[in-house]
C-alpha atoms as a PDB file:
ATOM      1  CA  MET A   1     -12.664  10.956   1.147  1.00  0.00           C
ATOM      2  CA  ASN A   2     -16.289  11.824   1.922  1.00  0.00           C
ATOM      3  CA  ASN A   3     -17.725   9.626  -0.829  1.00  0.00           C
ATOM      4  CA  HIS A   4     -15.925   6.568   0.488  1.00  0.00           C
ATOM      5  CA  LEU A   5     -18.882   4.398   1.495  1.00  0.00           C
ATOM      6  CA  LYS A   6     -20.301   3.837  -1.947  1.00  0.00           C
ATOM      7  CA  PRO A   7     -21.685   0.352  -2.527  1.00  0.00           C
ATOM      8  CA  SER A   8     -19.508   0.032  -5.588  1.00  0.00           C
ATOM      9  CA  TRP A   9     -16.247   0.439  -3.764  1.00  0.00           C
ATOM     10  CA  LEU A  10     -14.787  -2.620  -5.582  1.00  0.00           C
ATOM     11  CA  SER A  11     -15.878  -1.489  -9.060  1.00  0.00           C
ATOM     12  CA  TRP A  12     -13.302  -0.882 -11.719  1.00  0.00           C
ATOM     13  CA  PRO A  13     -12.092   2.570 -12.489  1.00  0.00           C
ATOM     14  CA  ASN A  14     -12.997   4.079 -15.855  1.00  0.00           C
ATOM     15  CA  TRP A  15      -9.896   2.979 -17.739  1.00  0.00           C
ATOM     16  CA  LYS A  16     -11.272   4.405 -21.000  1.00  0.00           C
ATOM     17  CA  ASP A  17     -10.592   7.882 -19.576  1.00  0.00           C
ATOM     18  CA  SER A  18      -7.052   8.768 -20.465  1.00  0.00           C
ATOM     19  CA  ARG A  19      -6.756  10.909 -17.323  1.00  0.00           C
ATOM     20  CA  GLU A  20      -7.480   7.848 -15.178  1.00  0.00           C
ATOM     21  CA  LEU A  21      -4.737   5.913 -16.936  1.00  0.00           C
ATOM     22  CA  THR A  22      -2.278   8.831 -16.757  1.00  0.00           C
ATOM     23  CA  ARG A  23      -2.809   9.328 -13.007  1.00  0.00           C
ATOM     24  CA  ALA A  24      -2.512   5.555 -12.379  1.00  0.00           C
ATOM     25  CA  GLY A  25       0.618   5.398 -14.551  1.00  0.00           C
ATOM     26  CA  LEU A  26       2.234   8.295 -12.657  1.00  0.00           C
ATOM     27  CA  VAL A  27       1.714   6.534  -9.319  1.00  0.00           C
ATOM     28  CA  ALA A  28       2.953   3.206 -10.687  1.00  0.00           C
ATOM     29  CA  GLY A  29       6.001   4.904 -12.174  1.00  0.00           C
ATOM     30  CA  LEU A  30       6.666   6.814  -9.005  1.00  0.00           C
ATOM     31  CA  TYR A  31       6.471   3.597  -7.006  1.00  0.00           C
ATOM     32  CA  ILE A  32       9.109   2.055  -9.230  1.00  0.00           C
ATOM     33  CA  VAL A  33      11.411   5.122  -9.112  1.00  0.00           C
ATOM     34  CA  LEU A  34      11.150   5.422  -5.333  1.00  0.00           C
ATOM     35  CA  THR A  35      11.858   1.714  -4.808  1.00  0.00           C
ATOM     36  CA  PHE A  36      15.025   1.850  -6.910  1.00  0.00           C
ATOM     37  CA  LEU A  37      16.160   5.111  -5.316  1.00  0.00           C
ATOM     38  CA  THR A  38      16.204   3.331  -1.940  1.00  0.00           C
ATOM     39  CA  LEU A  39      18.193   0.309  -2.981  1.00  0.00           C
ATOM     40  CA  PRO A  40      19.443  -1.926  -1.339  1.00  0.00           C
ATOM     41  CA  TYR A  41      17.021  -1.189   1.505  1.00  0.00           C
ATOM     42  CA  SER A  42      13.962  -1.945  -0.650  1.00  0.00           C
ATOM     43  CA  PHE A  43      14.255  -5.724  -0.554  1.00  0.00           C
ATOM     44  CA  GLY A  44      15.001  -8.477   1.968  1.00  0.00           C
ATOM     45  CA  PRO A  45      13.835  -9.214   5.463  1.00  0.00           C
ATOM     46  CA  VAL A  46      14.217  -5.612   6.559  1.00  0.00           C
ATOM     47  CA  GLN A  47      12.503  -3.477   3.883  1.00  0.00           C
ATOM     48  CA  PHE A  48      12.482   0.270   3.941  1.00  0.00           C
ATOM     49  CA  ARG A  49      10.666   1.005   0.736  1.00  0.00           C
ATOM     50  CA  LEU A  50       9.888   4.722   0.572  1.00  0.00           C
ATOM     51  CA  ALA A  51       7.526   3.796  -2.233  1.00  0.00           C
ATOM     52  CA  GLU A  52       5.248   2.114   0.404  1.00  0.00           C
ATOM     53  CA  THR A  53       4.213   5.667   1.216  1.00  0.00           C
ATOM     54  CA  LEU A  54       2.095   5.508  -1.979  1.00  0.00           C
ATOM     55  CA  ASN A  55      -0.101   2.882  -0.374  1.00  0.00           C
ATOM     56  CA  PHE A  56      -1.990   5.828   1.178  1.00  0.00           C
ATOM     57  CA  THR A  57      -3.110   7.022  -2.309  1.00  0.00           C
ATOM     58  CA  SER A  58      -5.390   3.994  -2.415  1.00  0.00           C
ATOM     59  CA  LEU A  59      -7.523   5.576   0.295  1.00  0.00           C
ATOM     60  CA  TYR A  60      -8.322   8.471  -2.026  1.00  0.00           C
ATOM     61  CA  ASN A  61      -9.162   6.722  -5.223  1.00  0.00           C
ATOM     62  CA  LYS A  62      -9.425   3.020  -6.103  1.00  0.00           C
ATOM     63  CA  ARG A  63      -7.386   3.559  -9.272  1.00  0.00           C
ATOM     64  CA  TYR A  64      -4.346   3.850  -7.007  1.00  0.00           C
ATOM     65  CA  VAL A  65      -4.915   0.349  -5.640  1.00  0.00           C
ATOM     66  CA  TYR A  66      -4.227  -1.004  -9.071  1.00  0.00           C
ATOM     67  CA  ALA A  67      -1.424   1.600  -9.752  1.00  0.00           C
ATOM     68  CA  VAL A  68       0.506   0.588  -6.632  1.00  0.00           C
ATOM     69  CA  THR A  69      -0.064  -3.077  -7.367  1.00  0.00           C
ATOM     70  CA  LEU A  70       1.338  -2.584 -10.847  1.00  0.00           C
ATOM     71  CA  GLY A  71       4.384  -0.811  -9.372  1.00  0.00           C
ATOM     72  CA  VAL A  72       4.910  -3.751  -6.946  1.00  0.00           C
ATOM     73  CA  PHE A  73       4.625  -6.245  -9.744  1.00  0.00           C
ATOM     74  CA  ILE A  74       7.292  -4.480 -11.843  1.00  0.00           C
ATOM     75  CA  VAL A  75       9.808  -3.873  -9.011  1.00  0.00           C
ATOM     76  CA  ASN A  76       9.455  -7.372  -7.541  1.00  0.00           C
ATOM     77  CA  ALA A  77      10.844  -8.738 -10.850  1.00  0.00           C
ATOM     78  CA  TYR A  78      14.111  -7.150  -9.812  1.00  0.00           C
ATOM     79  CA  GLN A  79      14.841  -9.231  -6.749  1.00  0.00           C
ATOM     80  CA  TYR A  80      13.090 -12.614  -6.627  1.00  0.00           C
ATOM     81  CA  GLY A  81      11.386 -12.850  -9.950  1.00  0.00           C
ATOM     82  CA  PRO A  82       8.070 -14.468 -10.887  1.00  0.00           C
ATOM     83  CA  VAL A  83       7.200 -15.838  -7.470  1.00  0.00           C
ATOM     84  CA  ASP A  84       7.592 -12.421  -5.848  1.00  0.00           C
ATOM     85  CA  MET A  85       5.918 -10.694  -8.731  1.00  0.00           C
ATOM     86  CA  ILE A  86       2.801 -12.830  -8.224  1.00  0.00           C
ATOM     87  CA  VAL A  87       2.770 -13.187  -4.454  1.00  0.00           C
ATOM     88  CA  GLY A  88       3.801  -9.653  -3.659  1.00  0.00           C
ATOM     89  CA  SER A  89       1.404  -8.167  -6.116  1.00  0.00           C
ATOM     90  CA  LEU A  90      -1.546 -10.244  -4.913  1.00  0.00           C
ATOM     91  CA  GLN A  91      -0.689  -9.416  -1.357  1.00  0.00           C
ATOM     92  CA  THR A  92      -0.644  -5.712  -2.176  1.00  0.00           C
ATOM     93  CA  LEU A  93      -3.895  -5.914  -4.125  1.00  0.00           C
ATOM     94  CA  LEU A  94      -5.803  -7.874  -1.485  1.00  0.00           C
ATOM     95  CA  PHE A  95      -4.557  -5.953   1.538  1.00  0.00           C
ATOM     96  CA  LEU A  96      -4.997  -2.447  -0.006  1.00  0.00           C
ATOM     97  CA  TRP A  97      -8.643  -3.358  -0.703  1.00  0.00           C
ATOM     98  CA  LEU A  98      -8.995  -4.837   2.773  1.00  0.00           C
ATOM     99  CA  ALA A  99      -7.499  -1.698   4.423  1.00  0.00           C
ATOM    100  CA  ARG A 100      -9.895   0.514   2.417  1.00  0.00           C
ATOM    101  CA  TRP A 101     -12.824  -1.546   3.500  1.00  0.00           C
ATOM    102  CA  ILE A 102     -11.854  -1.860   7.186  1.00  0.00           C
ATOM    103  CA  GLY A 103     -11.012   1.807   7.254  1.00  0.00           C
ATOM    104  CA  ASP A 104     -14.431   2.653   6.039  1.00  0.00           C
ATOM    105  CA  LEU A 105     -16.002   0.319   8.672  1.00  0.00           C
ATOM    106  CA  VAL A 106     -13.942   1.860  11.488  1.00  0.00           C
ATOM    107  CA  VAL A 107     -14.781   5.389  10.400  1.00  0.00           C
ATOM    108  CA  ALA A 108     -18.444   4.497  10.190  1.00  0.00           C
ATOM    109  CA  ALA A 109     -18.447   2.860  13.595  1.00  0.00           C
ATOM    110  CA  PHE A 110     -16.161   5.175  15.601  1.00  0.00           C
ATOM    111  CA  ALA A 111     -15.446   8.356  13.712  1.00  0.00           C
ATOM    112  CA  LYS A 112     -18.777   9.212  12.053  1.00  0.00           C
ATOM    113  CA  GLY A 113     -19.590  12.847  12.552  1.00  0.00           C
ATOM    114  CA  THR A 114     -15.934  13.767  13.154  1.00  0.00           C
ATOM    115  CA  SER A 115     -13.984  16.110  10.902  1.00  0.00           C
ATOM    116  CA  ALA A 116     -12.684  14.842   7.552  1.00  0.00           C
ATOM    117  CA  GLN A 117      -9.181  15.320   8.998  1.00  0.00           C
ATOM    118  CA  ILE A 118      -9.850  12.877  11.859  1.00  0.00           C
ATOM    119  CA  GLN A 119     -11.446  10.421   9.463  1.00  0.00           C
ATOM    120  CA  THR A 120      -8.358  10.553   7.221  1.00  0.00           C
ATOM    121  CA  ILE A 121      -6.087   9.947  10.150  1.00  0.00           C
ATOM    122  CA  VAL A 122      -8.160   6.944  11.212  1.00  0.00           C
ATOM    123  CA  ARG A 123      -7.991   5.504   7.687  1.00  0.00           C
ATOM    124  CA  TYR A 124      -4.233   6.019   7.567  1.00  0.00           C
ATOM    125  CA  ALA A 125      -3.881   4.277  10.987  1.00  0.00           C
ATOM    126  CA  VAL A 126      -6.007   1.338   9.777  1.00  0.00           C
ATOM    127  CA  LEU A 127      -4.010   1.015   6.515  1.00  0.00           C
ATOM    128  CA  THR A 128      -0.772   1.158   8.433  1.00  0.00           C
ATOM    129  CA  LEU A 129      -1.841  -1.625  10.811  1.00  0.00           C
ATOM    130  CA  VAL A 130      -3.486  -3.823   8.217  1.00  0.00           C
ATOM    131  CA  PHE A 131      -0.598  -3.589   5.788  1.00  0.00           C
ATOM    132  CA  SER A 132       2.019  -4.189   8.473  1.00  0.00           C
ATOM    133  CA  LEU A 133       0.232  -7.248   9.696  1.00  0.00           C
ATOM    134  CA  SER A 134      -0.129  -8.475   6.079  1.00  0.00           C
ATOM    135  CA  MET A 135       3.678  -8.976   5.912  1.00  0.00           C
ATOM    136  CA  PHE A 136       3.078 -12.564   7.041  1.00  0.00           C
ATOM    137  CA  VAL A 137       2.471 -13.310   3.404  1.00  0.00           C
ATOM    138  CA  ILE A 138       5.878 -11.969   2.353  1.00  0.00           C
ATOM    139  CA  ALA A 139       7.569 -13.722   5.318  1.00  0.00           C
ATOM    140  CA  LEU A 140       5.980 -16.995   4.263  1.00  0.00           C
ATOM    141  CA  GLU A 141       7.036 -16.446   0.660  1.00  0.00           C
ATOM    142  CA  MET A 142      10.632 -15.783   1.841  1.00  0.00           C
ATOM    143  CA  VAL A 143      10.593 -19.065   3.762  1.00  0.00           C
ATOM    144  CA  VAL A 144       9.246 -21.034   0.810  1.00  0.00           C
ATOM    145  CA  VAL A 145      11.818 -19.617  -1.582  1.00  0.00           C
ATOM    146  CA  GLY A 146      14.596 -20.076   0.921  1.00  0.00           C
ATOM    147  CA  VAL A 147      15.756 -16.522   1.591  1.00  0.00           C
ATOM    148  CA  ALA A 148      14.523 -16.272   5.253  1.00  0.00           C
ATOM    149  CA  GLU A 149      17.542 -17.967   6.863  1.00  0.00           C
ATOM    150  CA  ALA A 150      16.370 -17.254  10.382  1.00  0.00           C
ATOM    151  CA  GLY A 151      12.865 -18.698   9.766  1.00  0.00           C
ATOM    152  CA  PHE A 152       9.312 -17.434   9.478  1.00  0.00           C
ATOM    153  CA  TRP A 153       8.924 -15.577  12.851  1.00  0.00           C
ATOM    154  CA  ALA A 154      12.170 -13.705  12.568  1.00  0.00           C
ATOM    155  CA  ALA A 155      11.382 -12.712   8.994  1.00  0.00           C
ATOM    156  CA  TYR A 156       7.827 -11.688   9.898  1.00  0.00           C
ATOM    157  CA  THR A 157       9.004  -9.639  12.893  1.00  0.00           C
ATOM    158  CA  GLN A 158      11.570  -7.822  10.789  1.00  0.00           C
ATOM    159  CA  LEU A 159       9.103  -7.202   7.893  1.00  0.00           C
ATOM    160  CA  PHE A 160       6.259  -6.174  10.264  1.00  0.00           C
ATOM    161  CA  THR A 161       8.512  -3.711  12.079  1.00  0.00           C
ATOM    162  CA  SER A 162      10.070  -2.231   9.004  1.00  0.00           C
ATOM    163  CA  GLU A 163       6.681  -1.848   7.327  1.00  0.00           C
ATOM    164  CA  LEU A 164       5.196  -0.292  10.404  1.00  0.00           C
ATOM    165  CA  VAL A 165       8.034   2.210  10.700  1.00  0.00           C
ATOM    166  CA  MET A 166       7.940   3.028   6.969  1.00  0.00           C
ATOM    167  CA  LEU A 167       4.174   3.468   6.805  1.00  0.00           C
ATOM    168  CA  THR A 168       4.098   5.528  10.043  1.00  0.00           C
ATOM    169  CA  LEU A 169       6.671   7.894   8.637  1.00  0.00           C
ATOM    170  CA  GLY A 170       5.099   7.741   5.195  1.00  0.00           C
ATOM    171  CA  SER A 171       1.669   8.629   6.546  1.00  0.00           C
ATOM    172  CA  VAL A 172       3.036  12.037   7.672  1.00  0.00           C
ATOM    173  CA  ILE A 173       4.523  12.574   4.219  1.00  0.00           C
ATOM    174  CA  MET A 174       1.355  11.574   2.374  1.00  0.00           C
ATOM    175  CA  TYR A 175      -0.909  13.540   4.651  1.00  0.00           C
ATOM    176  CA  TYR A 176       1.129  16.595   3.870  1.00  0.00           C
ATOM    177  CA  VAL A 177       1.041  15.836   0.095  1.00  0.00           C
ATOM    178  CA  SER A 178      -2.743  15.169   0.235  1.00  0.00           C
ATOM    179  CA  GLN A 179      -3.296  18.655   1.646  1.00  0.00           C
ATOM    180  CA  ARG A 180      -1.707  20.142  -1.438  1.00  0.00           C
ATOM    181  CA  VAL A 181      -2.599  17.628  -4.194  1.00  0.00           C
ATOM    182  CA  ASP A 182      -6.168  16.516  -4.879  1.00  0.00           C
ATOM    183  CA  LEU A 183      -5.712  12.734  -4.857  1.00  0.00           C
ATOM    184  CA  GLU A 184      -9.438  12.003  -5.128  1.00  0.00           C
ATOM    185  CA  ARG A 185      -9.798  13.316  -8.728  1.00  0.00           C
END
Protein backbone atom coordinates (compact mmCIF):
# COMPACT_ATOMS: atom_id res chain seq x y z
CA MET A 1 0.00 0.00 0.00
CA ASN A 2 2.98 2.30 -0.25
CA ASN A 3 2.04 3.64 -3.68
CA HIS A 4 -1.41 4.69 -2.46
CA LEU A 5 -1.12 8.46 -2.82
CA LYS A 6 -0.94 8.55 -6.59
CA PRO A 7 -2.83 11.46 -8.18
CA SER A 8 -4.64 9.00 -10.42
CA TRP A 9 -6.30 7.12 -7.56
CA LEU A 10 -9.66 7.25 -9.29
CA SER A 11 -8.40 6.06 -12.67
CA TRP A 12 -9.74 2.86 -14.21
CA PRO A 13 -7.83 -0.40 -13.91
CA ASN A 14 -6.36 -1.82 -17.08
CA TRP A 15 -9.28 -4.05 -18.02
CA LYS A 16 -7.51 -5.13 -21.21
CA ASP A 17 -5.16 -7.18 -19.05
CA SER A 18 -6.75 -10.60 -18.57
CA ARG A 19 -5.05 -10.95 -15.17
CA GLU A 20 -6.83 -7.79 -13.96
CA LEU A 21 -10.18 -9.21 -15.06
CA THR A 22 -9.44 -12.61 -13.56
CA ARG A 23 -8.46 -11.19 -10.16
CA ALA A 24 -11.50 -8.91 -10.11
CA GLY A 25 -13.74 -11.80 -11.16
CA LEU A 26 -12.38 -13.99 -8.38
CA VAL A 27 -13.15 -11.36 -5.74
CA ALA A 28 -16.64 -10.68 -7.17
CA GLY A 29 -17.34 -14.42 -7.27
CA LEU A 30 -16.02 -14.89 -3.75
CA TYR A 31 -18.30 -12.07 -2.55
CA ILE A 32 -21.29 -13.86 -4.06
CA VAL A 33 -20.36 -17.26 -2.60
CA LEU A 34 -19.65 -15.89 0.89
CA THR A 35 -22.94 -13.98 0.91
CA PHE A 36 -24.98 -17.05 0.03
CA LEU A 37 -23.06 -19.23 2.48
CA THR A 38 -24.21 -16.96 5.31
CA LEU A 39 -27.90 -16.87 4.41
CA PRO A 40 -30.28 -15.86 5.98
CA TYR A 41 -28.01 -13.49 7.93
CA SER A 42 -26.79 -11.70 4.80
CA PHE A 43 -29.93 -9.60 4.32
CA GLY A 44 -32.33 -7.55 6.39
CA PRO A 45 -31.93 -4.98 9.15
CA VAL A 46 -29.26 -7.04 10.90
CA GLN A 47 -26.77 -8.11 8.24
CA PHE A 48 -23.83 -10.31 8.99
CA ARG A 49 -22.34 -10.66 5.53
CA LEU A 50 -19.03 -12.43 5.80
CA ALA A 51 -18.45 -11.17 2.26
CA GLU A 52 -18.09 -7.62 3.62
CA THR A 53 -14.62 -8.70 4.70
CA LEU A 54 -13.67 -8.35 1.03
CA ASN A 55 -14.22 -4.58 1.28
CA PHE A 56 -10.67 -4.40 2.63
CA THR A 57 -9.29 -5.66 -0.70
CA SER A 58 -10.24 -2.25 -2.12
CA LEU A 59 -7.45 -0.72 -0.01
CA TYR A 60 -4.85 -2.72 -1.90
CA ASN A 61 -5.94 -2.27 -5.49
CA LYS A 62 -8.69 -0.17 -7.06
CA ARG A 63 -9.80 -3.10 -9.21
CA TYR A 64 -11.32 -4.58 -6.08
CA VAL A 65 -13.60 -1.55 -5.61
CA TYR A 66 -15.28 -2.55 -8.84
CA ALA A 67 -15.11 -6.28 -8.04
CA VAL A 68 -16.84 -5.89 -4.67
CA THR A 69 -19.39 -3.53 -6.24
CA LEU A 70 -20.17 -6.13 -8.91
CA GLY A 71 -20.56 -8.80 -6.23
CA VAL A 72 -22.97 -6.55 -4.30
CA PHE A 73 -24.94 -5.83 -7.48
CA ILE A 74 -25.43 -9.53 -8.18
CA VAL A 75 -26.31 -10.67 -4.64
CA ASN A 76 -28.70 -7.78 -4.07
CA ALA A 77 -30.85 -9.13 -6.89
CA TYR A 78 -31.64 -12.02 -4.58
CA GLN A 79 -33.46 -10.13 -1.83
CA TYR A 80 -34.95 -6.81 -2.90
CA GLY A 81 -34.36 -6.70 -6.64
CA PRO A 82 -33.62 -3.72 -8.88
CA VAL A 83 -33.85 -1.02 -6.20
CA ASP A 84 -31.33 -2.75 -3.95
CA MET A 85 -29.15 -3.65 -6.90
CA ILE A 86 -28.82 0.01 -7.82
CA VAL A 87 -28.81 1.65 -4.38
CA GLY A 88 -26.66 -0.98 -2.67
CA SER A 89 -24.15 -1.05 -5.52
CA LEU A 90 -23.85 2.72 -5.73
CA GLN A 91 -23.48 2.93 -1.94
CA THR A 92 -20.70 0.34 -2.08
CA LEU A 93 -18.92 2.03 -4.98
CA LEU A 94 -19.11 5.52 -3.48
CA PHE A 95 -18.13 4.63 0.07
CA LEU A 96 -15.29 2.27 -0.88
CA TRP A 97 -13.75 5.12 -2.89
CA LEU A 98 -14.43 7.53 -0.04
CA ALA A 99 -12.84 5.17 2.50
CA ARG A 100 -9.74 4.80 0.30
CA TRP A 101 -9.44 8.56 -0.04
CA ILE A 102 -10.04 9.37 3.63
CA GLY A 103 -7.68 6.56 4.64
CA ASP A 104 -4.94 8.08 2.51
CA LEU A 105 -5.59 11.52 4.04
CA VAL A 106 -5.52 10.18 7.60
CA VAL A 107 -2.31 8.24 6.97
CA ALA A 108 -0.70 11.31 5.38
CA ALA A 109 -1.76 13.53 8.27
CA PHE A 110 -1.24 11.27 11.27
CA ALA A 111 0.65 8.11 10.36
CA LYS A 112 3.24 9.34 7.85
CA GLY A 113 6.63 7.92 8.72
CA THR A 114 5.15 4.97 10.62
CA SER A 115 5.54 1.38 9.54
CA ALA A 116 3.52 -0.05 6.67
CA GLN A 117 1.79 -2.25 9.24
CA ILE A 118 0.53 0.76 11.23
CA GLN A 119 -0.57 2.51 8.03
CA THR A 120 -2.53 -0.58 7.01
CA ILE A 121 -4.24 -0.77 10.40
CA VAL A 122 -5.16 2.94 10.15
CA ARG A 123 -6.65 2.41 6.68
CA TYR A 124 -8.58 -0.64 7.93
CA ALA A 125 -9.98 1.40 10.84
CA VAL A 126 -11.01 4.23 8.50
CA LEU A 127 -12.75 1.85 6.09
CA THR A 128 -14.54 0.14 8.98
CA LEU A 129 -15.84 3.44 10.34
CA VAL A 130 -16.71 5.03 6.98
CA PHE A 131 -18.50 1.96 5.69
CA SER A 132 -20.39 1.39 8.94
CA LEU A 133 -21.54 5.02 8.96
CA SER A 134 -22.61 4.67 5.31
CA MET A 135 -25.34 2.23 6.31
CA PHE A 136 -27.69 5.22 6.52
CA VAL A 137 -28.12 4.79 2.75
CA ILE A 138 -29.31 1.20 3.15
CA ALA A 139 -31.52 2.12 6.14
CA LEU A 140 -33.14 4.86 4.06
CA GLU A 141 -33.64 2.43 1.18
CA MET A 142 -35.28 -0.06 3.54
CA VAL A 143 -37.67 2.63 4.80
CA VAL A 144 -38.55 3.69 1.24
CA VAL A 145 -39.25 0.13 0.05
CA GLY A 146 -41.18 -0.61 3.23
CA VAL A 147 -39.10 -3.33 4.86
CA ALA A 148 -37.88 -1.29 7.86
CA GLU A 149 -40.90 -1.84 10.08
CA ALA A 150 -39.37 -0.11 13.11
CA GLY A 151 -38.38 3.01 11.15
CA PHE A 152 -35.18 4.65 9.95
CA TRP A 153 -33.28 5.05 13.23
CA ALA A 154 -33.89 1.50 14.36
CA ALA A 155 -32.84 0.15 10.96
CA TYR A 156 -29.77 2.40 10.85
CA THR A 157 -28.69 1.43 14.36
CA GLN A 158 -29.01 -2.26 13.55
CA LEU A 159 -27.23 -1.93 10.20
CA PHE A 160 -24.47 0.28 11.64
CA THR A 161 -23.86 -2.11 14.53
CA SER A 162 -23.88 -5.28 12.44
CA GLU A 163 -21.60 -3.71 9.81
CA LEU A 164 -19.22 -2.43 12.48
CA VAL A 165 -19.02 -5.87 14.12
CA MET A 166 -18.62 -7.69 10.79
CA LEU A 167 -15.93 -5.33 9.48
CA THR A 168 -14.05 -5.33 12.78
CA LEU A 169 -13.94 -9.13 12.78
CA GLY A 170 -13.32 -9.15 9.04
CA SER A 171 -10.37 -6.79 9.37
CA VAL A 172 -8.53 -9.39 11.43
CA ILE A 173 -9.23 -12.05 8.81
CA MET A 174 -8.23 -9.81 5.89
CA TYR A 175 -5.10 -8.58 7.62
CA TYR A 176 -4.04 -12.20 8.11
CA VAL A 177 -4.85 -13.00 4.46
CA SER A 178 -2.99 -9.90 3.23
CA GLN A 179 0.16 -11.10 4.98
CA ARG A 180 0.08 -14.26 2.87
CA VAL A 181 -1.49 -13.13 -0.40
CA ASP A 182 -0.21 -10.17 -2.42
CA LEU A 183 -3.40 -8.17 -2.94
CA GLU A 184 -1.62 -5.22 -4.54
CA ARG A 185 -0.68 -7.10 -7.72
